[in-house]
């Protein structure tokens, strides 16, 4: 299983590469593990701790409690 530091690094790299655009948290999970689905709760938790902006259908959500697909981005503020 990936460490929080590895997850944070993957998330921040994607956020920087996609400045001004969103990305799916599964993109970070896929970089970290071939069997990436079990890693998704940890990826969402770390995204929340990093303060990444999470949306679902354009509406701000908590990445930890949101159900279904979300998008992440650097905090727009």
PDB file of N, CA and C in Angstrom:
ATOM      1  N   UNK A   1       0.855  -1.182   0.000  1.00  0.00           N
ATOM      2  CA  UNK A   1       0.000   0.000   0.000  1.00  0.00           C
ATOM      3  C   UNK A   1       0.894   1.235   0.000  1.00  0.00           C
ATOM      4  N   UNK A   2       0.478   2.238  -0.706  1.00  0.00           N
ATOM      5  CA  UNK A   2       1.231   3.493  -0.799  1.00  0.00           C
ATOM      6  C   UNK A   2       1.138   4.261   0.520  1.00  0.00           C
ATOM      7  N   UNK A   3       2.192   4.999   0.828  1.00  0.00           N
ATOM      8  CA  UNK A   3       2.196   5.827   2.034  1.00  0.00           C
ATOM      9  C   UNK A   3       1.462   7.139   1.758  1.00  0.00           C
ATOM     10  N   UNK A   4       1.107   7.832   2.829  1.00  0.00           N
ATOM     11  CA  UNK A   4       0.466   9.139   2.673  1.00  0.00           C
ATOM     12  C   UNK A   4       1.367  10.094   1.899  1.00  0.00           C
ATOM     13  N   UNK A   5       2.668  10.020   2.153  1.00  0.00           N
ATOM     14  CA  UNK A   5       3.612  10.910   1.461  1.00  0.00           C
ATOM     15  C   UNK A   5       3.628  10.615  -0.041  1.00  0.00           C
ATOM     16  N   UNK A   6       3.591   9.354  -0.412  1.00  0.00           N
ATOM     17  CA  UNK A   6       3.568   8.985  -1.835  1.00  0.00           C
ATOM     18  C   UNK A   6       2.274   9.441  -2.497  1.00  0.00           C
ATOM     19  N   UNK A   7       1.166   9.275  -1.776  1.00  0.00           N
ATOM     20  CA  UNK A   7      -0.130   9.715  -2.302  1.00  0.00           C
ATOM     21  C   UNK A   7      -0.127  11.230  -2.476  1.00  0.00           C
ATOM     22  N   UNK A   8       0.367  11.947  -1.464  1.00  0.00           N
ATOM     23  CA  UNK A   8       0.415  13.408  -1.527  1.00  0.00           C
ATOM     24  C   UNK A   8       1.263  13.858  -2.703  1.00  0.00           C
ATOM     25  N   UNK A   9       2.402  13.229  -2.898  1.00  0.00           N
ATOM     26  CA  UNK A   9       3.276  13.595  -4.013  1.00  0.00           C
ATOM     27  C   UNK A   9       2.570  13.402  -5.355  1.00  0.00           C
ATOM     28  N   UNK A  10       1.880  12.284  -5.520  1.00  0.00           N
ATOM     29  CA  UNK A  10       1.171  12.022  -6.775  1.00  0.00           C
ATOM     30  C   UNK A  10       0.053  13.043  -6.989  1.00  0.00           C
ATOM     31  N   UNK A  11      -0.704  13.342  -5.936  1.00  0.00           N
ATOM     32  CA  UNK A  11      -1.801  14.308  -6.050  1.00  0.00           C
ATOM     33  C   UNK A  11      -1.282  15.710  -6.385  1.00  0.00           C
ATOM     34  N   UNK A  12      -0.244  16.129  -5.688  1.00  0.00           N
ATOM     35  CA  UNK A  12       0.290  17.475  -5.923  1.00  0.00           C
ATOM     36  C   UNK A  12       0.928  17.594  -7.306  1.00  0.00           C
ATOM     37  N   UNK A  13       1.544  16.527  -7.778  1.00  0.00           N
ATOM     38  CA  UNK A  13       2.119  16.543  -9.129  1.00  0.00           C
ATOM     39  C   UNK A  13       1.009  16.709 -10.171  1.00  0.00           C
ATOM     40  N   UNK A  14      -0.066  15.946 -10.015  1.00  0.00           N
ATOM     41  CA  UNK A  14      -1.188  16.069 -10.958  1.00  0.00           C
ATOM     42  C   UNK A  14      -1.821  17.453 -10.878  1.00  0.00           C
ATOM     43  N   UNK A  15      -1.992  17.972  -9.673  1.00  0.00           N
ATOM     44  CA  UNK A  15      -2.592  19.302  -9.515  1.00  0.00           C
ATOM     45  C   UNK A  15      -1.735  20.363 -10.200  1.00  0.00           C
ATOM     46  N   UNK A  16      -0.421  20.247 -10.070  1.00  0.00           N
ATOM     47  CA  UNK A  16       0.478  21.219 -10.701  1.00  0.00           C
ATOM     48  C   UNK A  16       0.454  21.081 -12.221  1.00  0.00           C
ATOM     49  N   UNK A  17       0.445  19.840 -12.706  1.00  0.00           N
ATOM     50  CA  UNK A  17       0.409  19.610 -14.153  1.00  0.00           C
ATOM     51  C   UNK A  17      -0.887  20.102 -14.764  1.00  0.00           C
ATOM     52  N   UNK A  18      -1.963  20.052 -13.996  1.00  0.00           N
ATOM     53  CA  UNK A  18      -3.287  20.428 -14.497  1.00  0.00           C
ATOM     54  C   UNK A  18      -3.733  21.764 -13.953  1.00  0.00           C
ATOM     55  N   UNK A  19      -2.818  22.650 -13.661  1.00  0.00           N
ATOM     56  CA  UNK A  19      -3.172  23.953 -13.096  1.00  0.00           C
ATOM     57  C   UNK A  19      -4.313  24.575 -13.900  1.00  0.00           C
ATOM     58  N   UNK A  20      -5.369  24.958 -13.203  1.00  0.00           N
ATOM     59  CA  UNK A  20      -6.530  25.554 -13.863  1.00  0.00           C
ATOM     60  C   UNK A  20      -7.527  24.532 -14.386  1.00  0.00           C
ATOM     61  N   UNK A  21      -7.194  23.249 -14.267  1.00  0.00           N
ATOM     62  CA  UNK A  21      -8.099  22.187 -14.718  1.00  0.00           C
ATOM     63  C   UNK A  21      -8.236  21.142 -13.608  1.00  0.00           C
ATOM     64  N   UNK A  22      -9.225  20.301 -13.732  1.00  0.00           N
ATOM     65  CA  UNK A  22      -9.463  19.264 -12.730  1.00  0.00           C
ATOM     66  C   UNK A  22      -8.879  17.932 -13.197  1.00  0.00           C
ATOM     67  N   UNK A  23      -8.794  17.020 -12.235  1.00  0.00           N
ATOM     68  CA  UNK A  23      -8.365  15.655 -12.548  1.00  0.00           C
ATOM     69  C   UNK A  23      -9.110  14.691 -11.633  1.00  0.00           C
ATOM     70  N   UNK A  24      -9.158  13.446 -12.040  1.00  0.00           N
ATOM     71  CA  UNK A  24      -9.826  12.414 -11.263  1.00  0.00           C
ATOM     72  C   UNK A  24      -8.830  11.850 -10.245  1.00  0.00           C
ATOM     73  N   UNK A  25      -9.238  11.673  -8.993  1.00  0.00           N
ATOM     74  CA  UNK A  25      -8.319  11.111  -8.005  1.00  0.00           C
ATOM     75  C   UNK A  25      -7.814   9.722  -8.392  1.00  0.00           C
ATOM     76  N   UNK A  26      -8.560   9.011  -9.216  1.00  0.00           N
ATOM     77  CA  UNK A  26      -8.103   7.684  -9.637  1.00  0.00           C
ATOM     78  C   UNK A  26      -6.822   7.770 -10.467  1.00  0.00           C
ATOM     79  N   UNK A  27      -6.560   8.930 -11.078  1.00  0.00           N
ATOM     80  CA  UNK A  27      -5.316   9.093 -11.833  1.00  0.00           C
ATOM     81  C   UNK A  27      -4.120   8.947 -10.905  1.00  0.00           C
ATOM     82  N   UNK A  28      -4.209   9.509  -9.706  1.00  0.00           N
ATOM     83  CA  UNK A  28      -3.126   9.369  -8.730  1.00  0.00           C
ATOM     84  C   UNK A  28      -3.034   7.926  -8.260  1.00  0.00           C
ATOM     85  N   UNK A  29      -4.160   7.314  -7.970  1.00  0.00           N
ATOM     86  CA  UNK A  29      -4.160   5.928  -7.502  1.00  0.00           C
ATOM     87  C   UNK A  29      -3.563   4.990  -8.550  1.00  0.00           C
ATOM     88  N   UNK A  30      -3.865   5.227  -9.810  1.00  0.00           N
ATOM     89  CA  UNK A  30      -3.352   4.371 -10.887  1.00  0.00           C
ATOM     90  C   UNK A  30      -1.837   4.471 -11.035  1.00  0.00           C
ATOM     91  N   UNK A  31      -1.278   5.642 -10.716  1.00  0.00           N
ATOM     92  CA  UNK A  31       0.182   5.818 -10.760  1.00  0.00           C
ATOM     93  C   UNK A  31       0.841   5.007  -9.641  1.00  0.00           C
ATOM     94  N   UNK A  32       0.135   4.849  -8.535  1.00  0.00           N
ATOM     95  CA  UNK A  32       0.712   4.242  -7.348  1.00  0.00           C
ATOM     96  C   UNK A  32       0.538   2.732  -7.250  1.00  0.00           C
ATOM     97  N   UNK A  33      -0.462   2.174  -7.923  1.00  0.00           N
ATOM     98  CA  UNK A  33      -0.717   0.740  -7.764  1.00  0.00           C
ATOM     99  C   UNK A  33      -1.457   0.181  -8.972  1.00  0.00           C
ATOM    100  N   UNK A  34      -1.093  -1.039  -9.346  1.00  0.00           N
ATOM    101  CA  UNK A  34      -1.820  -1.715 -10.416  1.00  0.00           C
ATOM    102  C   UNK A  34      -3.245  -2.010  -9.967  1.00  0.00           C
ATOM    103  N   UNK A  35      -3.392  -2.454  -8.729  1.00  0.00           N
ATOM    104  CA  UNK A  35      -4.712  -2.691  -8.148  1.00  0.00           C
ATOM    105  C   UNK A  35      -5.076  -1.430  -7.368  1.00  0.00           C
ATOM    106  N   UNK A  36      -5.521  -0.396  -8.096  1.00  0.00           N
ATOM    107  CA  UNK A  36      -5.678   0.952  -7.554  1.00  0.00           C
ATOM    108  C   UNK A  36      -6.982   1.193  -6.801  1.00  0.00           C
ATOM    109  N   UNK A  37      -8.014   0.416  -7.066  1.00  0.00           N
ATOM    110  CA  UNK A  37      -9.320   0.698  -6.442  1.00  0.00           C
ATOM    111  C   UNK A  37      -9.292   0.677  -4.908  1.00  0.00           C
ATOM    112  N   UNK A  38      -8.618  -0.294  -4.276  1.00  0.00           N
ATOM    113  CA  UNK A  38      -8.581  -0.270  -2.803  1.00  0.00           C
ATOM    114  C   UNK A  38      -7.878   0.954  -2.224  1.00  0.00           C
ATOM    115  N   UNK A  39      -7.107   1.640  -3.038  1.00  0.00           N
ATOM    116  CA  UNK A  39      -6.363   2.814  -2.589  1.00  0.00           C
ATOM    117  C   UNK A  39      -7.218   4.097  -2.594  1.00  0.00           C
ATOM    118  N   UNK A  40      -8.363   4.063  -3.248  1.00  0.00           N
ATOM    119  CA  UNK A  40      -9.163   5.279  -3.425  1.00  0.00           C
ATOM    120  C   UNK A  40      -9.583   5.980  -2.130  1.00  0.00           C
ATOM    121  N   UNK A  41     -10.024   5.277  -1.080  1.00  0.00           N
ATOM    122  CA  UNK A  41     -10.374   6.009   0.146  1.00  0.00           C
ATOM    123  C   UNK A  41      -9.183   6.788   0.717  1.00  0.00           C
ATOM    124  N   UNK A  42      -7.993   6.202   0.636  1.00  0.00           N
ATOM    125  CA  UNK A  42      -6.804   6.888   1.145  1.00  0.00           C
ATOM    126  C   UNK A  42      -6.454   8.085   0.266  1.00  0.00           C
ATOM    127  N   UNK A  43      -6.601   7.945  -1.038  1.00  0.00           N
ATOM    128  CA  UNK A  43      -6.324   9.055  -1.955  1.00  0.00           C
ATOM    129  C   UNK A  43      -7.275  10.214  -1.664  1.00  0.00           C
ATOM    130  N   UNK A  44      -8.547   9.917  -1.464  1.00  0.00           N
ATOM    131  CA  UNK A  44      -9.517  10.971  -1.150  1.00  0.00           C
ATOM    132  C   UNK A  44      -9.213  11.633   0.194  1.00  0.00           C
ATOM    133  N   UNK A  45      -8.823  10.822   1.188  1.00  0.00           N
ATOM    134  CA  UNK A  45      -8.499  11.364   2.505  1.00  0.00           C
ATOM    135  C   UNK A  45      -7.295  12.308   2.423  1.00  0.00           C
ATOM    136  N   UNK A  46      -6.255  11.869   1.727  1.00  0.00           N
ATOM    137  CA  UNK A  46      -5.066  12.705   1.606  1.00  0.00           C
ATOM    138  C   UNK A  46      -5.380  13.969   0.808  1.00  0.00           C
ATOM    139  N   UNK A  47      -6.210  13.864  -0.219  1.00  0.00           N
ATOM    140  CA  UNK A  47      -6.613  15.039  -0.991  1.00  0.00           C
ATOM    141  C   UNK A  47      -7.287  16.065  -0.083  1.00  0.00           C
ATOM    142  N   UNK A  48      -8.146  15.587   0.814  1.00  0.00           N
ATOM    143  CA  UNK A  48      -8.816  16.497   1.756  1.00  0.00           C
ATOM    144  C   UNK A  48      -7.806  17.139   2.695  1.00  0.00           C
ATOM    145  N   UNK A  49      -6.845  16.355   3.181  1.00  0.00           N
ATOM    146  CA  UNK A  49      -5.825  16.888   4.089  1.00  0.00           C
ATOM    147  C   UNK A  49      -4.944  17.924   3.399  1.00  0.00           C
ATOM    148  N   UNK A  50      -4.724  17.759   2.108  1.00  0.00           N
ATOM    149  CA  UNK A  50      -3.903  18.705   1.345  1.00  0.00           C
ATOM    150  C   UNK A  50      -4.672  19.973   0.984  1.00  0.00           C
ATOM    151  N   UNK A  51      -5.992  19.944   1.169  1.00  0.00           N
ATOM    152  CA  UNK A  51      -6.804  21.102   0.830  1.00  0.00           C
ATOM    153  C   UNK A  51      -7.116  21.214  -0.652  1.00  0.00           C
ATOM    154  N   UNK A  52      -7.004  20.108  -1.379  1.00  0.00           N
ATOM    155  CA  UNK A  52      -7.388  20.144  -2.789  1.00  0.00           C
ATOM    156  C   UNK A  52      -8.890  20.369  -2.887  1.00  0.00           C
ATOM    157  N   UNK A  53      -9.306  21.106  -3.884  1.00  0.00           N
ATOM    158  CA  UNK A  53     -10.711  21.445  -4.109  1.00  0.00           C
ATOM    159  C   UNK A  53     -11.385  20.274  -4.818  1.00  0.00           C
ATOM    160  N   UNK A  54     -12.431  19.738  -4.210  1.00  0.00           N
ATOM    161  CA  UNK A  54     -13.154  18.601  -4.780  1.00  0.00           C
ATOM    162  C   UNK A  54     -14.533  19.045  -5.254  1.00  0.00           C
ATOM    163  N   UNK A  55     -14.915  18.591  -6.436  1.00  0.00           N
ATOM    164  CA  UNK A  55     -16.250  18.885  -6.960  1.00  0.00           C
ATOM    165  C   UNK A  55     -16.884  17.613  -7.496  1.00  0.00           C
ATOM    166  N   UNK A  56     -18.198  17.656  -7.523  1.00  0.00           N
ATOM    167  CA  UNK A  56     -18.991  16.588  -8.120  1.00  0.00           C
ATOM    168  C   UNK A  56     -20.093  17.269  -8.917  1.00  0.00           C
ATOM    169  N   UNK A  57     -20.052  17.062 -10.220  1.00  0.00           N
ATOM    170  CA  UNK A  57     -20.980  17.738 -11.142  1.00  0.00           C
ATOM    171  C   UNK A  57     -20.932  19.250 -10.952  1.00  0.00           C
ATOM    172  N   UNK A  58     -19.707  19.779 -10.691  1.00  0.00           N
ATOM    173  CA  UNK A  58     -19.513  21.208 -10.579  1.00  0.00           C
ATOM    174  C   UNK A  58     -19.808  21.814  -9.220  1.00  0.00           C
ATOM    175  N   UNK A  59     -20.242  21.000  -8.273  1.00  0.00           N
ATOM    176  CA  UNK A  59     -20.579  21.480  -6.932  1.00  0.00           C
ATOM    177  C   UNK A  59     -19.494  21.029  -5.959  1.00  0.00           C
ATOM    178  N   UNK A  60     -19.047  21.935  -5.094  1.00  0.00           N
ATOM    179  CA  UNK A  60     -18.025  21.598  -4.106  1.00  0.00           C
ATOM    180  C   UNK A  60     -18.533  20.513  -3.160  1.00  0.00           C
ATOM    181  N   UNK A  61     -17.672  19.521  -2.907  1.00  0.00           N
ATOM    182  CA  UNK A  61     -18.014  18.411  -2.004  1.00  0.00           C
ATOM    183  C   UNK A  61     -16.811  18.084  -1.132  1.00  0.00           C
ATOM    184  N   UNK A  62     -17.062  17.344  -0.074  1.00  0.00           N
ATOM    185  CA  UNK A  62     -15.996  16.799   0.765  1.00  0.00           C
ATOM    186  C   UNK A  62     -15.526  15.512   0.073  1.00  0.00           C
ATOM    187  N   UNK A  63     -14.248  15.426  -0.284  1.00  0.00           N
ATOM    188  CA  UNK A  63     -13.792  14.246  -1.011  1.00  0.00           C
ATOM    189  C   UNK A  63     -13.877  12.952  -0.210  1.00  0.00           C
ATOM    190  N   UNK A  64     -13.922  13.061   1.112  1.00  0.00           N
ATOM    191  CA  UNK A  64     -13.984  11.865   1.948  1.00  0.00           C
ATOM    192  C   UNK A  64     -15.397  11.297   2.001  1.00  0.00           C
ATOM    193  N   UNK A  65     -16.398  12.159   2.070  1.00  0.00           N
ATOM    194  CA  UNK A  65     -17.772  11.678   2.247  1.00  0.00           C
ATOM    195  C   UNK A  65     -18.565  11.607   0.949  1.00  0.00           C
ATOM    196  N   UNK A  66     -18.094  12.240  -0.102  1.00  0.00           N
ATOM    197  CA  UNK A  66     -18.821  12.214  -1.381  1.00  0.00           C
ATOM    198  C   UNK A  66     -18.872  10.792  -1.924  1.00  0.00           C
ATOM    199  N   UNK A  67     -20.020  10.432  -2.458  1.00  0.00           N
ATOM    200  CA  UNK A  67     -20.171   9.115  -3.080  1.00  0.00           C
ATOM    201  C   UNK A  67     -20.189   9.312  -4.586  1.00  0.00           C
ATOM    202  N   UNK A  68     -19.520   8.423  -5.297  1.00  0.00           N
ATOM    203  CA  UNK A  68     -19.465   8.528  -6.746  1.00  0.00           C
ATOM    204  C   UNK A  68     -18.264   9.320  -7.195  1.00  0.00           C
ATOM    205  N   UNK A  69     -18.176   9.548  -8.506  1.00  0.00           N
ATOM    206  CA  UNK A  69     -17.007  10.218  -9.075  1.00  0.00           C
ATOM    207  C   UNK A  69     -16.888  11.674  -8.639  1.00  0.00           C
ATOM    208  N   UNK A  70     -15.659  12.074  -8.358  1.00  0.00           N
ATOM    209  CA  UNK A  70     -15.359  13.470  -8.044  1.00  0.00           C
ATOM    210  C   UNK A  70     -14.192  13.928  -8.906  1.00  0.00           C
ATOM    211  N   UNK A  71     -13.991  15.228  -8.939  1.00  0.00           N
ATOM    212  CA  UNK A  71     -12.837  15.825  -9.623  1.00  0.00           C
ATOM    213  C   UNK A  71     -12.078  16.641  -8.593  1.00  0.00           C
ATOM    214  N   UNK A  72     -10.772  16.699  -8.737  1.00  0.00           N
ATOM    215  CA  UNK A  72      -9.920  17.464  -7.843  1.00  0.00           C
ATOM    216  C   UNK A  72      -9.195  18.550  -8.597  1.00  0.00           C
ATOM    217  N   UNK A  73      -8.833  19.620  -7.908  1.00  0.00           N
ATOM    218  CA  UNK A  73      -8.056  20.708  -8.485  1.00  0.00           C
ATOM    219  C   UNK A  73      -7.372  21.449  -7.352  1.00  0.00           C
ATOM    220  N   UNK A  74      -6.380  22.257  -7.713  1.00  0.00           N
ATOM    221  CA  UNK A  74      -5.787  23.148  -6.732  1.00  0.00           C
ATOM    222  C   UNK A  74      -6.877  24.071  -6.247  1.00  0.00           C
ATOM    223  N   UNK A  75      -6.774  24.515  -5.012  1.00  0.00           N
ATOM    224  CA  UNK A  75      -7.762  25.433  -4.464  1.00  0.00           C
ATOM    225  C   UNK A  75      -7.837  26.681  -5.329  1.00  0.00           C
ATOM    226  N   UNK A  76      -9.035  26.982  -5.866  1.00  0.00           N
ATOM    227  CA  UNK A  76      -9.162  28.132  -6.754  1.00  0.00           C
ATOM    228  C   UNK A  76      -8.980  29.469  -6.059  1.00  0.00           C
ATOM    229  N   UNK A  77      -9.062  29.471  -4.722  1.00  0.00           N
ATOM    230  CA  UNK A  77      -8.965  30.723  -3.971  1.00  0.00           C
ATOM    231  C   UNK A  77      -7.563  31.078  -3.770  1.00  0.00           C
TER     232      UNK A  77
END
